[in-house]
N, C-alpha and C. Protein backbone atom coordinates (compact mmCIF):
# COMPACT_ATOMS: atom_id res chain seq x y z
N MET A 1 46.41 49.30 -3.82
CA MET A 1 45.19 49.76 -4.44
C MET A 1 44.02 49.30 -3.55
N ASP A 2 43.04 50.17 -3.39
CA ASP A 2 41.85 49.81 -2.64
C ASP A 2 40.72 49.43 -3.60
N ILE A 3 39.95 48.42 -3.20
CA ILE A 3 38.76 48.04 -3.97
C ILE A 3 37.57 48.06 -3.03
N ARG A 4 36.42 48.26 -3.62
CA ARG A 4 35.16 48.20 -2.87
C ARG A 4 34.40 46.99 -3.39
N THR A 5 33.98 46.14 -2.47
CA THR A 5 33.29 44.91 -2.83
C THR A 5 32.30 44.56 -1.73
N MET A 6 31.45 43.62 -2.02
CA MET A 6 30.53 43.13 -1.00
C MET A 6 30.93 41.69 -0.71
N ILE A 7 31.12 41.37 0.58
CA ILE A 7 31.47 40.02 0.99
C ILE A 7 30.42 39.55 1.98
N ASN A 8 29.75 38.46 1.63
CA ASN A 8 28.68 37.92 2.47
C ASN A 8 27.69 39.02 2.88
N GLU A 9 27.31 39.82 1.90
CA GLU A 9 26.31 40.88 2.03
C GLU A 9 26.77 42.06 2.90
N GLU A 10 28.07 42.18 3.11
CA GLU A 10 28.63 43.32 3.84
C GLU A 10 29.56 44.09 2.90
N THR A 11 29.31 45.38 2.72
CA THR A 11 30.16 46.20 1.86
C THR A 11 31.50 46.43 2.55
N ARG A 12 32.57 46.19 1.80
CA ARG A 12 33.92 46.33 2.36
C ARG A 12 34.80 47.11 1.39
N THR A 13 35.73 47.87 1.94
CA THR A 13 36.81 48.48 1.18
C THR A 13 38.08 47.79 1.64
N LEU A 14 38.79 47.18 0.70
CA LEU A 14 39.95 46.36 1.02
C LEU A 14 41.17 46.80 0.23
N GLU A 15 42.32 46.74 0.87
CA GLU A 15 43.57 47.02 0.18
C GLU A 15 44.04 45.75 -0.51
N VAL A 16 44.30 45.87 -1.81
CA VAL A 16 44.74 44.73 -2.61
C VAL A 16 46.20 44.95 -3.01
N PHE A 17 47.00 43.92 -2.81
CA PHE A 17 48.40 43.98 -3.22
C PHE A 17 48.53 43.55 -4.69
N PRO A 18 49.52 44.06 -5.41
CA PRO A 18 49.71 43.66 -6.81
C PRO A 18 49.87 42.14 -6.94
N GLY A 19 49.12 41.55 -7.84
CA GLY A 19 49.21 40.12 -8.11
C GLY A 19 48.58 39.23 -7.06
N GLU A 20 47.92 39.81 -6.07
CA GLU A 20 47.33 39.02 -4.98
C GLU A 20 46.09 38.27 -5.46
N SER A 21 45.98 37.02 -5.04
CA SER A 21 44.79 36.24 -5.39
C SER A 21 43.64 36.62 -4.48
N LEU A 22 42.44 36.34 -4.94
CA LEU A 22 41.27 36.62 -4.13
C LEU A 22 41.30 35.76 -2.87
N ALA A 23 41.73 34.51 -2.97
CA ALA A 23 41.83 33.64 -1.79
C ALA A 23 42.76 34.26 -0.75
N ALA A 24 43.92 34.73 -1.17
CA ALA A 24 44.88 35.33 -0.24
C ALA A 24 44.30 36.60 0.40
N LEU A 25 43.62 37.41 -0.40
CA LEU A 25 42.99 38.63 0.11
C LEU A 25 41.94 38.30 1.16
N LEU A 26 41.06 37.36 0.84
CA LEU A 26 40.00 36.99 1.77
C LEU A 26 40.57 36.45 3.07
N ARG A 27 41.56 35.60 2.99
CA ARG A 27 42.17 35.04 4.20
C ARG A 27 42.88 36.14 5.00
N ARG A 28 43.52 37.06 4.31
CA ARG A 28 44.23 38.16 5.00
C ARG A 28 43.25 39.02 5.79
N TYR A 29 42.02 39.14 5.30
CA TYR A 29 41.00 39.94 5.98
C TYR A 29 40.12 39.10 6.91
N GLY A 30 40.55 37.88 7.21
CA GLY A 30 39.89 37.09 8.23
C GLY A 30 38.85 36.10 7.76
N TYR A 31 38.68 35.95 6.46
CA TYR A 31 37.73 34.97 5.93
C TYR A 31 38.45 33.63 5.81
N LEU A 32 38.77 33.06 6.97
CA LEU A 32 39.58 31.84 7.02
C LEU A 32 38.82 30.60 6.57
N GLU A 33 37.51 30.73 6.38
CA GLU A 33 36.74 29.61 5.84
C GLU A 33 37.08 29.34 4.38
N VAL A 34 37.72 30.29 3.72
CA VAL A 34 38.18 30.09 2.34
C VAL A 34 39.52 29.37 2.45
N ARG A 35 39.52 28.15 2.00
CA ARG A 35 40.71 27.32 2.14
C ARG A 35 41.45 27.22 0.82
N THR A 36 42.71 26.90 0.92
CA THR A 36 43.52 26.69 -0.29
C THR A 36 44.23 25.35 -0.17
N GLY A 37 44.48 24.77 -1.32
CA GLY A 37 45.17 23.48 -1.33
C GLY A 37 46.27 23.47 -2.35
N CYS A 38 45.92 23.74 -3.59
CA CYS A 38 46.89 23.59 -4.67
C CYS A 38 47.43 24.93 -5.19
N ASP A 39 46.67 25.99 -5.03
CA ASP A 39 47.00 27.32 -5.57
C ASP A 39 47.19 27.31 -7.09
N THR A 40 46.61 26.32 -7.75
CA THR A 40 46.69 26.25 -9.21
C THR A 40 45.32 26.09 -9.86
N GLY A 41 44.26 26.14 -9.07
CA GLY A 41 42.91 25.99 -9.62
C GLY A 41 42.54 24.56 -9.94
N SER A 42 43.18 23.60 -9.29
CA SER A 42 42.95 22.19 -9.60
C SER A 42 42.12 21.42 -8.58
N CYS A 43 41.98 21.97 -7.36
CA CYS A 43 41.37 21.14 -6.30
C CYS A 43 39.99 21.61 -5.85
N GLY A 44 39.60 22.85 -6.10
CA GLY A 44 38.28 23.35 -5.74
C GLY A 44 38.11 23.76 -4.29
N LEU A 45 39.15 23.62 -3.46
CA LEU A 45 39.03 23.99 -2.05
C LEU A 45 38.68 25.46 -1.86
N CYS A 46 39.13 26.30 -2.75
CA CYS A 46 38.99 27.75 -2.60
C CYS A 46 37.72 28.30 -3.26
N THR A 47 36.79 27.45 -3.62
CA THR A 47 35.59 27.89 -4.34
C THR A 47 34.77 28.87 -3.50
N VAL A 48 34.49 30.02 -4.10
CA VAL A 48 33.57 31.02 -3.56
C VAL A 48 32.66 31.41 -4.71
N TRP A 49 31.67 32.23 -4.41
CA TRP A 49 30.82 32.75 -5.49
C TRP A 49 31.15 34.21 -5.74
N MET A 50 31.22 34.55 -7.01
CA MET A 50 31.29 35.95 -7.41
C MET A 50 30.01 36.22 -8.19
N ASP A 51 29.21 37.12 -7.65
CA ASP A 51 27.90 37.42 -8.24
C ASP A 51 27.07 36.15 -8.44
N GLY A 52 27.17 35.24 -7.48
CA GLY A 52 26.36 34.03 -7.49
C GLY A 52 26.90 32.88 -8.32
N LYS A 53 28.04 33.05 -8.96
CA LYS A 53 28.64 32.00 -9.80
C LYS A 53 29.91 31.48 -9.13
N PRO A 54 30.13 30.16 -9.14
CA PRO A 54 31.32 29.62 -8.49
C PRO A 54 32.60 30.00 -9.25
N ILE A 55 33.60 30.41 -8.47
CA ILE A 55 34.92 30.70 -9.04
C ILE A 55 35.98 30.11 -8.13
N LEU A 56 37.14 29.88 -8.68
CA LEU A 56 38.28 29.42 -7.90
C LEU A 56 39.06 30.65 -7.46
N SER A 57 38.96 30.97 -6.17
CA SER A 57 39.53 32.22 -5.68
C SER A 57 41.06 32.22 -5.67
N CYS A 58 41.69 31.04 -5.72
CA CYS A 58 43.15 31.01 -5.73
C CYS A 58 43.72 31.44 -7.09
N SER A 59 42.91 31.32 -8.12
CA SER A 59 43.40 31.68 -9.46
C SER A 59 42.66 32.89 -10.03
N THR A 60 42.01 33.65 -9.14
CA THR A 60 41.32 34.88 -9.53
C THR A 60 42.04 36.03 -8.86
N LEU A 61 42.45 37.01 -9.65
CA LEU A 61 43.11 38.17 -9.06
C LEU A 61 42.13 38.92 -8.16
N ALA A 62 42.59 39.31 -7.00
CA ALA A 62 41.75 40.01 -6.02
C ALA A 62 41.16 41.28 -6.61
N ALA A 63 41.90 41.97 -7.44
CA ALA A 63 41.43 43.22 -8.03
C ALA A 63 40.16 43.01 -8.86
N ARG A 64 39.94 41.81 -9.37
CA ARG A 64 38.74 41.52 -10.16
C ARG A 64 37.47 41.54 -9.32
N ALA A 65 37.59 41.48 -7.99
CA ALA A 65 36.42 41.49 -7.10
C ALA A 65 35.82 42.88 -6.96
N ALA A 66 36.52 43.89 -7.43
CA ALA A 66 36.02 45.27 -7.30
C ALA A 66 34.64 45.40 -7.93
N GLY A 67 33.69 45.90 -7.14
CA GLY A 67 32.35 46.11 -7.64
C GLY A 67 31.48 44.87 -7.72
N HIS A 68 32.00 43.75 -7.26
CA HIS A 68 31.26 42.49 -7.32
C HIS A 68 30.87 42.02 -5.92
N SER A 69 29.96 41.06 -5.89
CA SER A 69 29.53 40.44 -4.64
C SER A 69 30.21 39.10 -4.50
N ILE A 70 30.89 38.90 -3.37
CA ILE A 70 31.59 37.65 -3.09
C ILE A 70 30.85 36.94 -1.96
N THR A 71 30.65 35.64 -2.12
CA THR A 71 30.00 34.85 -1.08
C THR A 71 30.91 33.69 -0.72
N THR A 72 31.18 33.54 0.58
CA THR A 72 31.95 32.41 1.08
C THR A 72 30.96 31.43 1.71
N ILE A 73 31.46 30.32 2.21
CA ILE A 73 30.59 29.32 2.83
C ILE A 73 29.80 29.92 3.99
N LYS A 74 30.36 30.89 4.70
CA LYS A 74 29.63 31.51 5.81
C LYS A 74 28.46 32.35 5.32
N GLY A 75 28.45 32.71 4.06
CA GLY A 75 27.38 33.52 3.50
C GLY A 75 26.21 32.75 2.93
N VAL A 76 26.27 31.43 2.92
CA VAL A 76 25.18 30.66 2.31
C VAL A 76 24.13 30.20 3.32
N GLY A 77 24.44 30.30 4.59
CA GLY A 77 23.44 30.05 5.63
C GLY A 77 22.94 28.64 5.76
N LYS A 78 21.65 28.54 6.04
CA LYS A 78 21.00 27.27 6.39
C LYS A 78 21.12 26.21 5.30
N GLU A 79 21.08 26.62 4.04
CA GLU A 79 21.14 25.63 2.96
C GLU A 79 22.48 24.89 3.00
N GLY A 80 23.56 25.60 3.26
CA GLY A 80 24.87 24.97 3.39
C GLY A 80 24.95 24.06 4.60
N GLU A 81 24.37 24.51 5.71
CA GLU A 81 24.35 23.70 6.93
C GLU A 81 23.54 22.42 6.70
N ASN A 82 22.44 22.55 6.00
CA ASN A 82 21.60 21.38 5.72
C ASN A 82 22.36 20.36 4.86
N LEU A 83 23.02 20.81 3.82
CA LEU A 83 23.80 19.91 2.98
C LEU A 83 24.91 19.25 3.80
N ALA A 84 25.56 20.01 4.67
CA ALA A 84 26.63 19.46 5.50
C ALA A 84 26.12 18.31 6.36
N LYS A 85 24.90 18.43 6.87
CA LYS A 85 24.32 17.36 7.69
C LYS A 85 24.17 16.07 6.88
N PHE A 86 23.79 16.20 5.61
CA PHE A 86 23.67 15.03 4.75
C PHE A 86 25.04 14.41 4.49
N LEU A 87 26.06 15.25 4.29
CA LEU A 87 27.41 14.74 4.08
C LEU A 87 27.90 13.98 5.31
N VAL A 88 27.63 14.52 6.49
CA VAL A 88 28.03 13.86 7.73
C VAL A 88 27.31 12.51 7.87
N ALA A 89 26.02 12.50 7.60
CA ALA A 89 25.23 11.27 7.73
C ALA A 89 25.73 10.16 6.82
N GLU A 90 26.32 10.53 5.70
CA GLU A 90 26.83 9.52 4.76
C GLU A 90 28.33 9.25 4.93
N GLY A 91 28.93 9.81 5.97
CA GLY A 91 30.36 9.59 6.22
C GLY A 91 31.26 10.21 5.18
N ALA A 92 30.80 11.31 4.57
CA ALA A 92 31.52 11.92 3.46
C ALA A 92 32.33 13.14 3.89
N ASP A 93 32.60 13.26 5.19
CA ASP A 93 33.34 14.43 5.68
C ASP A 93 34.49 14.01 6.59
N GLN A 94 35.24 13.02 6.19
CA GLN A 94 36.23 12.43 7.08
C GLN A 94 37.17 13.46 7.71
N CYS A 95 37.80 14.31 6.93
CA CYS A 95 38.64 15.34 7.54
C CYS A 95 37.96 16.71 7.46
N GLY A 96 37.06 16.90 6.51
CA GLY A 96 36.30 18.14 6.40
C GLY A 96 37.01 19.28 5.71
N TYR A 97 38.27 19.10 5.34
CA TYR A 97 39.01 20.21 4.75
C TYR A 97 38.42 20.66 3.42
N CYS A 98 37.93 19.74 2.63
CA CYS A 98 37.38 20.09 1.32
C CYS A 98 35.93 20.57 1.38
N SER A 99 35.30 20.41 2.53
CA SER A 99 33.86 20.67 2.64
C SER A 99 33.40 22.06 2.20
N PRO A 100 34.04 23.15 2.62
CA PRO A 100 33.52 24.47 2.20
C PRO A 100 33.47 24.63 0.68
N GLY A 101 34.55 24.32 -0.01
CA GLY A 101 34.56 24.45 -1.47
C GLY A 101 33.60 23.49 -2.13
N PHE A 102 33.53 22.28 -1.58
CA PHE A 102 32.63 21.26 -2.10
C PHE A 102 31.17 21.71 -1.97
N ILE A 103 30.80 22.21 -0.81
CA ILE A 103 29.42 22.66 -0.57
C ILE A 103 29.08 23.84 -1.47
N MET A 104 30.00 24.77 -1.65
CA MET A 104 29.75 25.90 -2.55
C MET A 104 29.47 25.42 -3.96
N THR A 105 30.22 24.43 -4.41
CA THR A 105 30.03 23.88 -5.75
C THR A 105 28.69 23.16 -5.87
N VAL A 106 28.34 22.36 -4.86
CA VAL A 106 27.07 21.62 -4.90
C VAL A 106 25.88 22.59 -4.90
N LEU A 107 25.95 23.63 -4.09
CA LEU A 107 24.86 24.60 -4.08
C LEU A 107 24.70 25.28 -5.45
N SER A 108 25.81 25.55 -6.11
CA SER A 108 25.76 26.11 -7.46
C SER A 108 25.16 25.14 -8.45
N MET A 109 25.54 23.88 -8.30
CA MET A 109 24.99 22.84 -9.17
C MET A 109 23.47 22.78 -9.04
N LYS A 110 22.99 22.86 -7.81
CA LYS A 110 21.54 22.80 -7.58
C LYS A 110 20.82 23.94 -8.30
N LYS A 111 21.43 25.12 -8.30
CA LYS A 111 20.83 26.27 -8.99
C LYS A 111 20.84 26.09 -10.51
N GLU A 112 21.91 25.47 -11.00
CA GLU A 112 22.13 25.38 -12.44
C GLU A 112 21.45 24.17 -13.09
N LEU A 113 21.48 23.02 -12.42
CA LEU A 113 20.97 21.80 -13.01
C LEU A 113 19.66 21.39 -12.34
N LYS A 114 18.67 21.12 -13.12
CA LYS A 114 17.40 20.63 -12.59
C LYS A 114 17.38 19.11 -12.70
N ASN A 115 17.14 18.44 -11.58
CA ASN A 115 17.10 16.98 -11.53
C ASN A 115 18.33 16.31 -12.15
N PRO A 116 19.54 16.62 -11.64
CA PRO A 116 20.74 16.03 -12.24
C PRO A 116 20.83 14.53 -12.00
N THR A 117 21.32 13.83 -12.98
CA THR A 117 21.58 12.40 -12.84
C THR A 117 22.86 12.21 -12.03
N GLU A 118 23.11 10.98 -11.60
CA GLU A 118 24.35 10.71 -10.87
C GLU A 118 25.57 11.05 -11.72
N SER A 119 25.49 10.74 -12.99
CA SER A 119 26.58 11.07 -13.90
C SER A 119 26.79 12.58 -14.00
N ALA A 120 25.71 13.34 -14.07
CA ALA A 120 25.81 14.80 -14.14
C ALA A 120 26.38 15.38 -12.85
N ILE A 121 26.00 14.80 -11.71
CA ILE A 121 26.54 15.25 -10.43
C ILE A 121 28.05 15.06 -10.40
N LYS A 122 28.50 13.86 -10.78
CA LYS A 122 29.93 13.56 -10.76
C LYS A 122 30.69 14.45 -11.75
N HIS A 123 30.10 14.71 -12.89
CA HIS A 123 30.74 15.57 -13.87
C HIS A 123 30.86 17.00 -13.33
N TYR A 124 29.81 17.51 -12.71
CA TYR A 124 29.81 18.88 -12.18
C TYR A 124 30.86 19.03 -11.09
N LEU A 125 31.05 17.99 -10.30
CA LEU A 125 31.98 18.05 -9.17
C LEU A 125 33.40 17.62 -9.53
N ASN A 126 33.65 17.44 -10.79
CA ASN A 126 34.94 16.95 -11.26
C ASN A 126 36.13 17.77 -10.74
N GLY A 127 35.96 19.07 -10.54
CA GLY A 127 37.06 19.92 -10.11
C GLY A 127 37.25 20.00 -8.60
N ASN A 128 36.49 19.22 -7.83
CA ASN A 128 36.62 19.24 -6.38
C ASN A 128 37.34 18.00 -5.90
N LEU A 129 38.51 18.19 -5.34
CA LEU A 129 39.35 17.10 -4.89
C LEU A 129 39.07 16.77 -3.43
N CYS A 130 38.87 15.51 -3.15
CA CYS A 130 38.75 15.01 -1.78
C CYS A 130 39.73 13.84 -1.67
N ARG A 131 40.68 13.95 -0.78
CA ARG A 131 41.69 12.92 -0.64
C ARG A 131 41.28 11.79 0.30
N CYS A 132 40.18 11.98 1.02
CA CYS A 132 39.79 11.01 2.05
C CYS A 132 38.82 9.94 1.57
N THR A 133 38.00 10.27 0.59
CA THR A 133 36.92 9.35 0.23
C THR A 133 36.96 9.01 -1.25
N GLY A 134 36.14 8.08 -1.62
CA GLY A 134 36.02 7.69 -3.03
C GLY A 134 34.83 8.35 -3.69
N TYR A 135 34.30 9.38 -3.08
CA TYR A 135 33.19 10.19 -3.60
C TYR A 135 31.84 9.49 -3.57
N GLU A 136 31.80 8.24 -3.16
CA GLU A 136 30.51 7.55 -3.10
C GLU A 136 29.63 8.14 -2.00
N GLY A 137 30.22 8.43 -0.85
CA GLY A 137 29.46 9.04 0.23
C GLY A 137 28.93 10.41 -0.15
N GLN A 138 29.76 11.20 -0.81
CA GLN A 138 29.31 12.52 -1.27
C GLN A 138 28.16 12.39 -2.26
N THR A 139 28.29 11.46 -3.19
CA THR A 139 27.24 11.27 -4.19
C THR A 139 25.93 10.85 -3.54
N ARG A 140 25.99 9.91 -2.61
CA ARG A 140 24.78 9.50 -1.88
C ARG A 140 24.16 10.68 -1.14
N ALA A 141 25.00 11.43 -0.44
CA ALA A 141 24.51 12.58 0.34
C ALA A 141 23.85 13.62 -0.56
N ILE A 142 24.47 13.91 -1.69
CA ILE A 142 23.93 14.92 -2.60
C ILE A 142 22.58 14.47 -3.15
N LYS A 143 22.50 13.21 -3.55
CA LYS A 143 21.24 12.70 -4.09
C LYS A 143 20.12 12.77 -3.04
N LYS A 144 20.41 12.38 -1.82
CA LYS A 144 19.41 12.44 -0.75
C LYS A 144 19.04 13.89 -0.42
N TRP A 145 20.04 14.77 -0.40
CA TRP A 145 19.80 16.18 -0.11
C TRP A 145 18.94 16.80 -1.20
N LEU A 146 19.23 16.50 -2.46
CA LEU A 146 18.43 17.04 -3.55
C LEU A 146 16.97 16.61 -3.43
N VAL A 147 16.74 15.35 -3.10
CA VAL A 147 15.36 14.85 -2.94
C VAL A 147 14.68 15.57 -1.78
N SER A 148 15.40 15.70 -0.66
CA SER A 148 14.79 16.34 0.52
C SER A 148 14.54 17.83 0.30
N SER A 149 15.39 18.49 -0.47
CA SER A 149 15.24 19.93 -0.67
C SER A 149 14.15 20.27 -1.66
N LYS A 150 13.67 19.30 -2.41
CA LYS A 150 12.54 19.55 -3.31
C LYS A 150 11.26 19.78 -2.51
N GLY A 151 11.15 19.12 -1.37
CA GLY A 151 9.98 19.28 -0.51
C GLY A 151 10.03 20.52 0.37
N ALA A 152 11.23 21.12 0.46
CA ALA A 152 11.40 22.27 1.35
C ALA A 152 10.90 23.55 0.74
């Protein structure tokens, strides 16, 4: 079955296989920045946006993307790059494998929550697994990034 969707602001017609996940479809079409870890919706590595809202692409059927706008980490531009710099500065990117999904989630949090507390940040990021750190570096980076982005 073919679907028509927009990916990172580019209209695409893609062939979808029965039962195929959105993560598998995106990777098959070369969007290798969409990573997978658990394939059960538990780790957040595969987070992308559908119509501006974060979704777990490993547990979303690809056919559901028909007529919707999908954004991967490559589609968020400078804001994602800026957040990544804060993560690096705080030593919160040891292997970097979780970074794309993590950044997509943090950018969504910024849109949704105004002036989040540390507790709210940790709660929002609960579904993003990082095996390398204890999340303290990420929390510091996010707090500093949020303060700096208010002036931008």
